[in-house]
């Protein structure tokens, strides 16, 4: 399976379509900002796409089980479950496309695997819709649904790979731990007010900035997709990621605006004997 996914990731013939589709998705989902936050799960504190897929996959899988294990009396219930699954697919597609559109420009593997993932799910949806229509006409749509289930499984596998192997939707700071105590990172004289610096604290990238004489420090890699916060835009108390415009509070890393779904790890910062020191909270 890993070799198969690797082969899909190497399909550069998908790039022209992927680039156009990615731009289309970003243009459609990035504005207004509330729509982007809704699709990304900023309001939930967790990406919303995996939660929504549970509804679609759960209802369609339940319909398949009723088809083959429930007997003739369960066919009407199976049809209704397919109908619910099809209705639930629209927000699943919208949220998944939003997540993919953010990650696609920087990662060719995500672009290509995401296209095949979406295609598999589109085939599954079409087959389940055909099964539903056949049942409405009084025909046996079980084989169409079974084929749809196979396509849905392929799409689900690729979706899992995008999340767990490619990191789409995960907190990109989760494995950044840093030192336990105070760590010297730079001379205070080199830190100008309003001019952020990216420093290393025992191998962890930390953004340090002085605003009106106060020192602030956050992990530099944005929790959303790893954007460099030290290249972002600043107010007295916030930083905006340069990649996707997630906004964090400099004082404690609180998420103010998405598309990030997670807060940004905050560090204590102090000036001592002409040096700037940081400590992970």
C-alpha atoms as a PDB file:
ATOM      1  CA  UNK A   1       0.000   0.000   0.000  1.00  0.00           C
ATOM      2  CA  UNK A   2       2.858   2.390   0.715  1.00  0.00           C
ATOM      3  CA  UNK A   3       4.310   1.699  -2.723  1.00  0.00           C
ATOM      4  CA  UNK A   4       0.907   2.350  -4.287  1.00  0.00           C
ATOM      5  CA  UNK A   5       0.537   5.675  -2.476  1.00  0.00           C
ATOM      6  CA  UNK A   6       4.100   6.529  -3.474  1.00  0.00           C
ATOM      7  CA  UNK A   7       3.207   5.882  -7.108  1.00  0.00           C
ATOM      8  CA  UNK A   8       0.211   8.213  -6.802  1.00  0.00           C
ATOM      9  CA  UNK A   9       2.420  10.874  -5.222  1.00  0.00           C
ATOM     10  CA  UNK A  10       4.686  10.636  -8.272  1.00  0.00           C
ATOM     11  CA  UNK A  11       1.942  11.320 -10.841  1.00  0.00           C
ATOM     12  CA  UNK A  12       3.162  14.697 -12.040  1.00  0.00           C
ATOM     13  CA  UNK A  13       0.591  14.561 -14.860  1.00  0.00           C
ATOM     14  CA  UNK A  14      -1.964  15.559 -12.200  1.00  0.00           C
ATOM     15  CA  UNK A  15      -0.210  18.864 -11.473  1.00  0.00           C
ATOM     16  CA  UNK A  16      -1.815  21.083 -14.156  1.00  0.00           C
ATOM     17  CA  UNK A  17      -5.289  20.088 -12.982  1.00  0.00           C
ATOM     18  CA  UNK A  18      -4.246  20.258  -9.327  1.00  0.00           C
ATOM     19  CA  UNK A  19      -2.821  23.764  -9.619  1.00  0.00           C
ATOM     20  CA  UNK A  20      -5.965  25.121 -11.254  1.00  0.00           C
ATOM     21  CA  UNK A  21      -8.259  23.289  -8.862  1.00  0.00           C
ATOM     22  CA  UNK A  22      -6.230  24.429  -5.841  1.00  0.00           C
ATOM     23  CA  UNK A  23      -6.500  28.065  -6.876  1.00  0.00           C
ATOM     24  CA  UNK A  24     -10.216  27.661  -7.480  1.00  0.00           C
ATOM     25  CA  UNK A  25     -10.695  26.129  -4.030  1.00  0.00           C
ATOM     26  CA  UNK A  26      -8.687  28.850  -2.295  1.00  0.00           C
ATOM     27  CA  UNK A  27     -10.561  31.610  -4.105  1.00  0.00           C
ATOM     28  CA  UNK A  28     -13.869  30.046  -3.088  1.00  0.00           C
ATOM     29  CA  UNK A  29     -13.094  29.317   0.578  1.00  0.00           C
ATOM     30  CA  UNK A  30     -10.729  32.003   1.871  1.00  0.00           C
ATOM     31  CA  UNK A  31     -13.273  34.844   1.874  1.00  0.00           C
ATOM     32  CA  UNK A  32     -15.221  35.685   3.914  1.00  0.00           C
ATOM     33  CA  UNK A  33     -12.969  34.817   6.831  1.00  0.00           C
ATOM     34  CA  UNK A  34     -15.844  33.416   8.885  1.00  0.00           C
ATOM     35  CA  UNK A  35     -16.498  30.843   6.149  1.00  0.00           C
ATOM     36  CA  UNK A  36     -12.840  29.787   6.219  1.00  0.00           C
ATOM     37  CA  UNK A  37     -12.913  29.430   9.999  1.00  0.00           C
ATOM     38  CA  UNK A  38     -16.143  27.435   9.775  1.00  0.00           C
ATOM     39  CA  UNK A  39     -14.668  24.999   7.240  1.00  0.00           C
ATOM     40  CA  UNK A  40     -11.327  24.715   9.052  1.00  0.00           C
ATOM     41  CA  UNK A  41     -12.737  24.018  12.516  1.00  0.00           C
ATOM     42  CA  UNK A  42     -11.274  27.080  14.248  1.00  0.00           C
ATOM     43  CA  UNK A  43     -14.524  27.345  16.232  1.00  0.00           C
ATOM     44  CA  UNK A  44     -14.211  23.687  17.281  1.00  0.00           C
ATOM     45  CA  UNK A  45     -10.560  23.674  18.322  1.00  0.00           C
ATOM     46  CA  UNK A  46     -10.064  20.688  16.017  1.00  0.00           C
ATOM     47  CA  UNK A  47     -10.254  20.241  12.216  1.00  0.00           C
ATOM     48  CA  UNK A  48     -13.911  19.759  11.322  1.00  0.00           C
ATOM     49  CA  UNK A  49     -13.404  17.558   8.245  1.00  0.00           C
ATOM     50  CA  UNK A  50     -12.669  14.283  10.127  1.00  0.00           C
ATOM     51  CA  UNK A  51     -15.741  14.793  12.302  1.00  0.00           C
ATOM     52  CA  UNK A  52     -17.978  15.269   9.272  1.00  0.00           C
ATOM     53  CA  UNK A  53     -16.589  12.240   7.445  1.00  0.00           C
ATOM     54  CA  UNK A  54     -17.735  10.052  10.342  1.00  0.00           C
ATOM     55  CA  UNK A  55     -21.353  10.909   9.521  1.00  0.00           C
ATOM     56  CA  UNK A  56     -21.043  10.107   5.811  1.00  0.00           C
ATOM     57  CA  UNK A  57     -18.933   6.980   6.180  1.00  0.00           C
ATOM     58  CA  UNK A  58     -20.983   5.764   9.128  1.00  0.00           C
ATOM     59  CA  UNK A  59     -24.362   6.024   7.401  1.00  0.00           C
ATOM     60  CA  UNK A  60     -23.175   4.524   4.116  1.00  0.00           C
ATOM     61  CA  UNK A  61     -21.378   1.658   5.863  1.00  0.00           C
ATOM     62  CA  UNK A  62     -24.452   0.984   7.972  1.00  0.00           C
ATOM     63  CA  UNK A  63     -26.533   0.813   4.788  1.00  0.00           C
ATOM     64  CA  UNK A  64     -24.156  -1.784   3.356  1.00  0.00           C
ATOM     65  CA  UNK A  65     -24.411  -3.880   6.515  1.00  0.00           C
ATOM     66  CA  UNK A  66     -28.203  -3.758   6.382  1.00  0.00           C
ATOM     67  CA  UNK A  67     -28.118  -4.697   2.704  1.00  0.00           C
ATOM     68  CA  UNK A  68     -26.216  -7.925   3.283  1.00  0.00           C
ATOM     69  CA  UNK A  69     -27.030  -8.839   6.882  1.00  0.00           C
ATOM     70  CA  UNK A  70     -30.416  -7.286   7.648  1.00  0.00           C
ATOM     71  CA  UNK A  71     -32.777  -9.204   5.375  1.00  0.00           C
ATOM     72  CA  UNK A  72     -35.512  -7.893   3.081  1.00  0.00           C
ATOM     73  CA  UNK A  73     -37.268  -5.921   5.812  1.00  0.00           C
ATOM     74  CA  UNK A  74     -34.202  -3.718   6.282  1.00  0.00           C
ATOM     75  CA  UNK A  75     -34.015  -2.498   2.652  1.00  0.00           C
ATOM     76  CA  UNK A  76     -36.105   0.675   3.236  1.00  0.00           C
ATOM     77  CA  UNK A  77     -33.877   1.613   6.180  1.00  0.00           C
ATOM     78  CA  UNK A  78     -30.769   1.016   4.064  1.00  0.00           C
ATOM     79  CA  UNK A  79     -32.141   3.325   1.368  1.00  0.00           C
ATOM     80  CA  UNK A  80     -32.843   6.064   3.909  1.00  0.00           C
ATOM     81  CA  UNK A  81     -29.326   5.721   5.321  1.00  0.00           C
ATOM     82  CA  UNK A  82     -27.857   6.141   1.845  1.00  0.00           C
ATOM     83  CA  UNK A  83     -29.949   9.267   1.411  1.00  0.00           C
ATOM     84  CA  UNK A  84     -28.636  10.702   4.676  1.00  0.00           C
ATOM     85  CA  UNK A  85     -25.079   9.841   3.671  1.00  0.00           C
ATOM     86  CA  UNK A  86     -25.458  11.609   0.342  1.00  0.00           C
ATOM     87  CA  UNK A  87     -26.936  14.713   1.980  1.00  0.00           C
ATOM     88  CA  UNK A  88     -24.088  14.836   4.487  1.00  0.00           C
ATOM     89  CA  UNK A  89     -21.449  14.714   1.741  1.00  0.00           C
ATOM     90  CA  UNK A  90     -21.640  18.422   0.806  1.00  0.00           C
ATOM     91  CA  UNK A  91     -20.065  19.857   3.997  1.00  0.00           C
ATOM     92  CA  UNK A  92     -17.557  16.979   3.960  1.00  0.00           C
ATOM     93  CA  UNK A  93     -16.409  17.954   0.470  1.00  0.00           C
ATOM     94  CA  UNK A  94     -16.290  21.659   1.326  1.00  0.00           C
ATOM     95  CA  UNK A  95     -14.222  21.217   4.502  1.00  0.00           C
ATOM     96  CA  UNK A  96     -11.871  18.682   2.909  1.00  0.00           C
ATOM     97  CA  UNK A  97     -11.306  20.893  -0.123  1.00  0.00           C
ATOM     98  CA  UNK A  98     -10.529  23.829   2.166  1.00  0.00           C
ATOM     99  CA  UNK A  99      -7.890  21.841   4.077  1.00  0.00           C
ATOM    100  CA  UNK A 100      -6.380  20.478   0.869  1.00  0.00           C
ATOM    101  CA  UNK A 101      -6.319  23.883  -0.793  1.00  0.00           C
ATOM    102  CA  UNK A 102      -4.191  25.330   2.030  1.00  0.00           C
ATOM    103  CA  UNK A 103      -1.630  22.512   1.892  1.00  0.00           C
ATOM    104  CA  UNK A 104      -1.550  21.916  -1.869  1.00  0.00           C
ATOM    105  CA  UNK A 105       0.671  24.788  -3.103  1.00  0.00           C
ATOM    106  CA  UNK A 106       3.651  23.828  -0.951  1.00  0.00           C
ATOM    107  CA  UNK A 107       3.506  20.049  -1.288  1.00  0.00           C
ATOM    108  CA  UNK A 108       3.259  18.146  -4.576  1.00  0.00           C
ATOM    109  CA  UNK A 109       2.492  14.868  -2.789  1.00  0.00           C
ATOM    110  CA  UNK A 110      -0.509  16.446  -1.057  1.00  0.00           C
ATOM    111  CA  UNK A 111      -1.683  17.885  -4.367  1.00  0.00           C
ATOM    112  CA  UNK A 112      -1.580  14.578  -6.218  1.00  0.00           C
ATOM    113  CA  UNK A 113      -2.822  12.279  -3.467  1.00  0.00           C
ATOM    114  CA  UNK A 114      -5.597  14.754  -2.660  1.00  0.00           C
ATOM    115  CA  UNK A 115      -6.848  14.690  -6.247  1.00  0.00           C
ATOM    116  CA  UNK A 116      -7.017  10.888  -6.300  1.00  0.00           C
ATOM    117  CA  UNK A 117      -8.633  10.914  -2.840  1.00  0.00           C
ATOM    118  CA  UNK A 118     -11.317  13.304  -4.078  1.00  0.00           C
ATOM    119  CA  UNK A 119     -11.817  11.323  -7.282  1.00  0.00           C
ATOM    120  CA  UNK A 120     -12.309   8.082  -5.347  1.00  0.00           C
ATOM    121  CA  UNK A 121     -14.887   9.745  -3.139  1.00  0.00           C
ATOM    122  CA  UNK A 122     -16.640  11.280  -6.149  1.00  0.00           C
ATOM    123  CA  UNK A 123     -16.921   7.825  -7.725  1.00  0.00           C
ATOM    124  CA  UNK A 124     -18.270   6.458  -4.440  1.00  0.00           C
ATOM    125  CA  UNK A 125     -20.860   9.228  -4.225  1.00  0.00           C
ATOM    126  CA  UNK A 126     -21.964   8.614  -7.806  1.00  0.00           C
ATOM    127  CA  UNK A 127     -22.368   4.874  -7.217  1.00  0.00           C
ATOM    128  CA  UNK A 128     -24.310   5.358  -3.994  1.00  0.00           C
ATOM    129  CA  UNK A 129     -26.519   7.933  -5.713  1.00  0.00           C
ATOM    130  CA  UNK A 130     -27.187   5.446  -8.515  1.00  0.00           C
ATOM    131  CA  UNK A 131     -28.008   2.809  -5.912  1.00  0.00           C
ATOM    132  CA  UNK A 132     -30.416   5.173  -4.183  1.00  0.00           C
ATOM    133  CA  UNK A 133     -32.133   5.986  -7.494  1.00  0.00           C
ATOM    134  CA  UNK A 134     -32.428   2.278  -8.346  1.00  0.00           C
ATOM    135  CA  UNK A 135     -34.041   1.542  -4.983  1.00  0.00           C
ATOM    136  CA  UNK A 136     -36.526   4.363  -5.492  1.00  0.00           C
ATOM    137  CA  UNK A 137     -37.556   2.632  -8.731  1.00  0.00           C
ATOM    138  CA  UNK A 138     -38.031  -0.641  -6.872  1.00  0.00           C
ATOM    139  CA  UNK A 139     -34.824  -2.206  -8.201  1.00  0.00           C
ATOM    140  CA  UNK A 140     -32.034  -3.957  -6.290  1.00  0.00           C
ATOM    141  CA  UNK A 141     -29.256  -1.425  -5.824  1.00  0.00           C
ATOM    142  CA  UNK A 142     -27.089  -3.476  -3.524  1.00  0.00           C
ATOM    143  CA  UNK A 143     -24.275  -4.185  -5.988  1.00  0.00           C
ATOM    144  CA  UNK A 144     -24.026  -0.506  -6.900  1.00  0.00           C
ATOM    145  CA  UNK A 145     -23.768   0.354  -3.207  1.00  0.00           C
ATOM    146  CA  UNK A 146     -21.170  -2.370  -2.692  1.00  0.00           C
ATOM    147  CA  UNK A 147     -19.046  -0.924  -5.496  1.00  0.00           C
ATOM    148  CA  UNK A 148     -19.519   2.498  -3.926  1.00  0.00           C
ATOM    149  CA  UNK A 149     -18.305   1.095  -0.618  1.00  0.00           C
ATOM    150  CA  UNK A 150     -15.120  -0.157  -2.292  1.00  0.00           C
ATOM    151  CA  UNK A 151     -14.445   3.284  -3.773  1.00  0.00           C
ATOM    152  CA  UNK A 152     -15.229   4.878  -0.420  1.00  0.00           C
ATOM    153  CA  UNK A 153     -12.695   2.609   1.280  1.00  0.00           C
ATOM    154  CA  UNK A 154      -9.988   3.588  -1.228  1.00  0.00           C
ATOM    155  CA  UNK A 155     -10.761   7.259  -0.692  1.00  0.00           C
ATOM    156  CA  UNK A 156     -10.737   6.795   3.073  1.00  0.00           C
ATOM    157  CA  UNK A 157      -7.337   5.131   2.985  1.00  0.00           C
ATOM    158  CA  UNK A 158      -5.875   8.027   1.019  1.00  0.00           C
ATOM    159  CA  UNK A 159      -7.562  10.492   3.372  1.00  0.00           C
ATOM    160  CA  UNK A 160      -5.901   8.776   6.299  1.00  0.00           C
ATOM    161  CA  UNK A 161      -2.555   9.024   4.520  1.00  0.00           C
ATOM    162  CA  UNK A 162      -3.047  12.753   3.936  1.00  0.00           C
ATOM    163  CA  UNK A 163      -3.738  13.283   7.637  1.00  0.00           C
ATOM    164  CA  UNK A 164      -1.281  10.924   9.302  1.00  0.00           C
ATOM    165  CA  UNK A 165       1.581  10.732   6.796  1.00  0.00           C
ATOM    166  CA  UNK A 166       1.393  14.136   5.097  1.00  0.00           C
ATOM    167  CA  UNK A 167       0.273  16.115   8.155  1.00  0.00           C
ATOM    168  CA  UNK A 168      -2.791  17.806   6.659  1.00  0.00           C
ATOM    169  CA  UNK A 169      -4.924  18.967   9.584  1.00  0.00           C
ATOM    170  CA  UNK A 170      -2.504  18.087  12.380  1.00  0.00           C
ATOM    171  CA  UNK A 171      -0.971  20.526  14.866  1.00  0.00           C
ATOM    172  CA  UNK A 172       2.451  21.281  13.360  1.00  0.00           C
ATOM    173  CA  UNK A 173       3.912  22.129  16.760  1.00  0.00           C
ATOM    174  CA  UNK A 174       2.920  18.883  18.461  1.00  0.00           C
ATOM    175  CA  UNK A 175       6.434  17.402  18.546  1.00  0.00           C
ATOM    176  CA  UNK A 176       8.178  20.636  19.532  1.00  0.00           C
ATOM    177  CA  UNK A 177       9.044  20.367  23.204  1.00  0.00           C
ATOM    178  CA  UNK A 178      12.062  22.584  23.773  1.00  0.00           C
ATOM    179  CA  UNK A 179      14.221  22.836  26.892  1.00  0.00           C
ATOM    180  CA  UNK A 180      12.783  22.569  30.396  1.00  0.00           C
ATOM    181  CA  UNK A 181      14.433  25.667  31.818  1.00  0.00           C
ATOM    182  CA  UNK A 182      15.536  29.115  30.759  1.00  0.00           C
ATOM    183  CA  UNK A 183      17.658  29.115  27.589  1.00  0.00           C
ATOM    184  CA  UNK A 184      19.893  31.903  26.308  1.00  0.00           C
ATOM    185  CA  UNK A 185      18.980  32.635  22.674  1.00  0.00           C
ATOM    186  CA  UNK A 186      20.439  36.030  21.666  1.00  0.00           C
ATOM    187  CA  UNK A 187      21.919  39.312  22.823  1.00  0.00           C
ATOM    188  CA  UNK A 188      19.304  41.846  23.901  1.00  0.00           C
ATOM    189  CA  UNK A 189      21.089  44.578  21.935  1.00  0.00           C
ATOM    190  CA  UNK A 190      20.382  42.752  18.639  1.00  0.00           C
ATOM    191  CA  UNK A 191      16.599  42.718  19.224  1.00  0.00           C
ATOM    192  CA  UNK A 192      15.019  45.927  17.946  1.00  0.00           C
ATOM    193  CA  UNK A 193      11.519  46.980  18.941  1.00  0.00           C
ATOM    194  CA  UNK A 194       9.014  45.676  16.398  1.00  0.00           C
ATOM    195  CA  UNK A 195      11.633  43.563  14.570  1.00  0.00           C
ATOM    196  CA  UNK A 196      10.975  39.864  15.277  1.00  0.00           C
ATOM    197  CA  UNK A 197      13.731  37.279  15.296  1.00  0.00           C
ATOM    198  CA  UNK A 198      13.648  33.521  14.812  1.00  0.00           C
ATOM    199  CA  UNK A 199      15.994  31.830  17.296  1.00  0.00           C
ATOM    200  CA  UNK A 200      16.770  28.270  18.281  1.00  0.00           C
ATOM    201  CA  UNK A 201      16.060  27.013  21.784  1.00  0.00           C
ATOM    202  CA  UNK A 202      17.591  23.560  22.060  1.00  0.00           C
ATOM    203  CA  UNK A 203      16.562  22.745  18.487  1.00  0.00           C
ATOM    204  CA  UNK A 204      13.108  24.349  18.589  1.00  0.00           C
ATOM    205  CA  UNK A 205      12.461  27.423  16.438  1.00  0.00           C
ATOM    206  CA  UNK A 206      11.111  30.286  18.551  1.00  0.00           C
ATOM    207  CA  UNK A 207       9.860  33.676  17.376  1.00  0.00           C
ATOM    208  CA  UNK A 208      10.972  36.463  19.723  1.00  0.00           C
ATOM    209  CA  UNK A 209       9.706  40.024  19.376  1.00  0.00           C
ATOM    210  CA  UNK A 210       9.851  43.196  21.453  1.00  0.00           C
ATOM    211  CA  UNK A 211       6.769  45.396  21.343  1.00  0.00           C
ATOM    212  CA  UNK A 212       6.872  48.734  23.216  1.00  0.00           C
ATOM    213  CA  UNK A 213       9.615  47.365  25.435  1.00  0.00           C
ATOM    214  CA  UNK A 214       7.800  44.108  26.339  1.00  0.00           C
ATOM    215  CA  UNK A 215       9.229  40.757  25.257  1.00  0.00           C
ATOM    216  CA  UNK A 216       7.041  38.049  23.697  1.00  0.00           C
ATOM    217  CA  UNK A 217       7.891  34.602  22.401  1.00  0.00           C
ATOM    218  CA  UNK A 218       5.897  31.950  20.522  1.00  0.00           C
ATOM    219  CA  UNK A 219       6.909  28.804  18.696  1.00  0.00           C
ATOM    220  CA  UNK A 220       7.856  30.031  15.249  1.00  0.00           C
ATOM    221  CA  UNK A 221       6.170  27.301  13.180  1.00  0.00           C
ATOM    222  CA  UNK A 222       2.455  28.079  12.870  1.00  0.00           C
ATOM    223  CA  UNK A 223       0.302  25.288  14.276  1.00  0.00           C
ATOM    224  CA  UNK A 224      -1.806  25.323  11.100  1.00  0.00           C
ATOM    225  CA  UNK A 225       0.732  24.410   8.416  1.00  0.00           C
ATOM    226  CA  UNK A 226       4.093  25.455   9.814  1.00  0.00           C
ATOM    227  CA  UNK A 227       4.264  28.997   8.445  1.00  0.00           C
ATOM    228  CA  UNK A 228       7.142  31.166   9.788  1.00  0.00           C
ATOM    229  CA  UNK A 229       5.526  33.517  12.273  1.00  0.00           C
ATOM    230  CA  UNK A 230       8.590  35.777  12.459  1.00  0.00           C
ATOM    231  CA  UNK A 231       7.802  36.770   8.846  1.00  0.00           C
ATOM    232  CA  UNK A 232       4.218  37.683   9.743  1.00  0.00           C
ATOM    233  CA  UNK A 233       2.592  41.007  10.536  1.00  0.00           C
ATOM    234  CA  UNK A 234       2.351  42.340  14.080  1.00  0.00           C
ATOM    235  CA  UNK A 235       0.262  44.575  16.270  1.00  0.00           C
ATOM    236  CA  UNK A 236       1.109  45.337  19.884  1.00  0.00           C
ATOM    237  CA  UNK A 237      -0.458  42.055  21.032  1.00  0.00           C
ATOM    238  CA  UNK A 238      -0.977  39.859  17.938  1.00  0.00           C
ATOM    239  CA  UNK A 239       0.888  38.148  15.109  1.00  0.00           C
ATOM    240  CA  UNK A 240      -0.651  37.132  11.790  1.00  0.00           C
ATOM    241  CA  UNK A 241       0.841  34.128   9.984  1.00  0.00           C
ATOM    242  CA  UNK A 242       2.164  35.070   6.515  1.00  0.00           C
ATOM    243  CA  UNK A 243       0.862  31.886   4.857  1.00  0.00           C
ATOM    244  CA  UNK A 244      -2.857  31.668   5.679  1.00  0.00           C
ATOM    245  CA  UNK A 245      -3.433  34.665   7.979  1.00  0.00           C
ATOM    246  CA  UNK A 246      -4.148  32.824  11.210  1.00  0.00           C
ATOM    247  CA  UNK A 247      -3.955  35.336  14.070  1.00  0.00           C
ATOM    248  CA  UNK A 248      -2.498  34.541  17.514  1.00  0.00           C
ATOM    249  CA  UNK A 249      -2.199  36.514  20.734  1.00  0.00           C
ATOM    250  CA  UNK A 250       1.466  37.260  21.437  1.00  0.00           C
ATOM    251  CA  UNK A 251       0.878  37.126  25.193  1.00  0.00           C
ATOM    252  CA  UNK A 252      -0.261  33.508  25.476  1.00  0.00           C
ATOM    253  CA  UNK A 253      -0.637  32.044  21.958  1.00  0.00           C
ATOM    254  CA  UNK A 254      -4.445  32.099  22.045  1.00  0.00           C
ATOM    255  CA  UNK A 255      -6.007  31.604  18.616  1.00  0.00           C
ATOM    256  CA  UNK A 256      -7.889  34.761  17.620  1.00  0.00           C
ATOM    257  CA  UNK A 257      -8.700  33.981  13.976  1.00  0.00           C
ATOM    258  CA  UNK A 258      -8.311  30.833  11.863  1.00  0.00           C
ATOM    259  CA  UNK A 259      -7.870  28.887   9.669  1.00  0.00           C
ATOM    260  CA  UNK A 260      -5.686  27.401  12.402  1.00  0.00           C
ATOM    261  CA  UNK A 261      -7.633  25.155  14.756  1.00  0.00           C
ATOM    262  CA  UNK A 262      -5.039  25.083  17.537  1.00  0.00           C
ATOM    263  CA  UNK A 263      -3.438  27.769  19.706  1.00  0.00           C
ATOM    264  CA  UNK A 264       0.231  28.587  19.291  1.00  0.00           C
ATOM    265  CA  UNK A 265       2.654  27.331  21.990  1.00  0.00           C
ATOM    266  CA  UNK A 266       3.740  30.284  24.119  1.00  0.00           C
ATOM    267  CA  UNK A 267       7.135  30.825  25.748  1.00  0.00           C
ATOM    268  CA  UNK A 268       8.173  33.024  28.639  1.00  0.00           C
ATOM    269  CA  UNK A 269      10.801  35.583  27.635  1.00  0.00           C
ATOM    270  CA  UNK A 270      13.069  37.761  29.769  1.00  0.00           C
ATOM    271  CA  UNK A 271      16.139  39.985  29.471  1.00  0.00           C
ATOM    272  CA  UNK A 272      18.915  39.135  31.871  1.00  0.00           C
ATOM    273  CA  UNK A 273      22.452  40.530  31.957  1.00  0.00           C
ATOM    274  CA  UNK A 274      22.165  41.795  28.401  1.00  0.00           C
ATOM    275  CA  UNK A 275      20.888  38.465  27.046  1.00  0.00           C
ATOM    276  CA  UNK A 276      17.399  37.303  26.040  1.00  0.00           C
ATOM    277  CA  UNK A 277      16.283  34.008  27.541  1.00  0.00           C
ATOM    278  CA  UNK A 278      13.162  31.929  26.751  1.00  0.00           C
ATOM    279  CA  UNK A 279      11.375  29.088  28.529  1.00  0.00           C
ATOM    280  CA  UNK A 280       8.530  26.923  27.237  1.00  0.00           C
ATOM    281  CA  UNK A 281       5.370  27.356  29.312  1.00  0.00           C
END
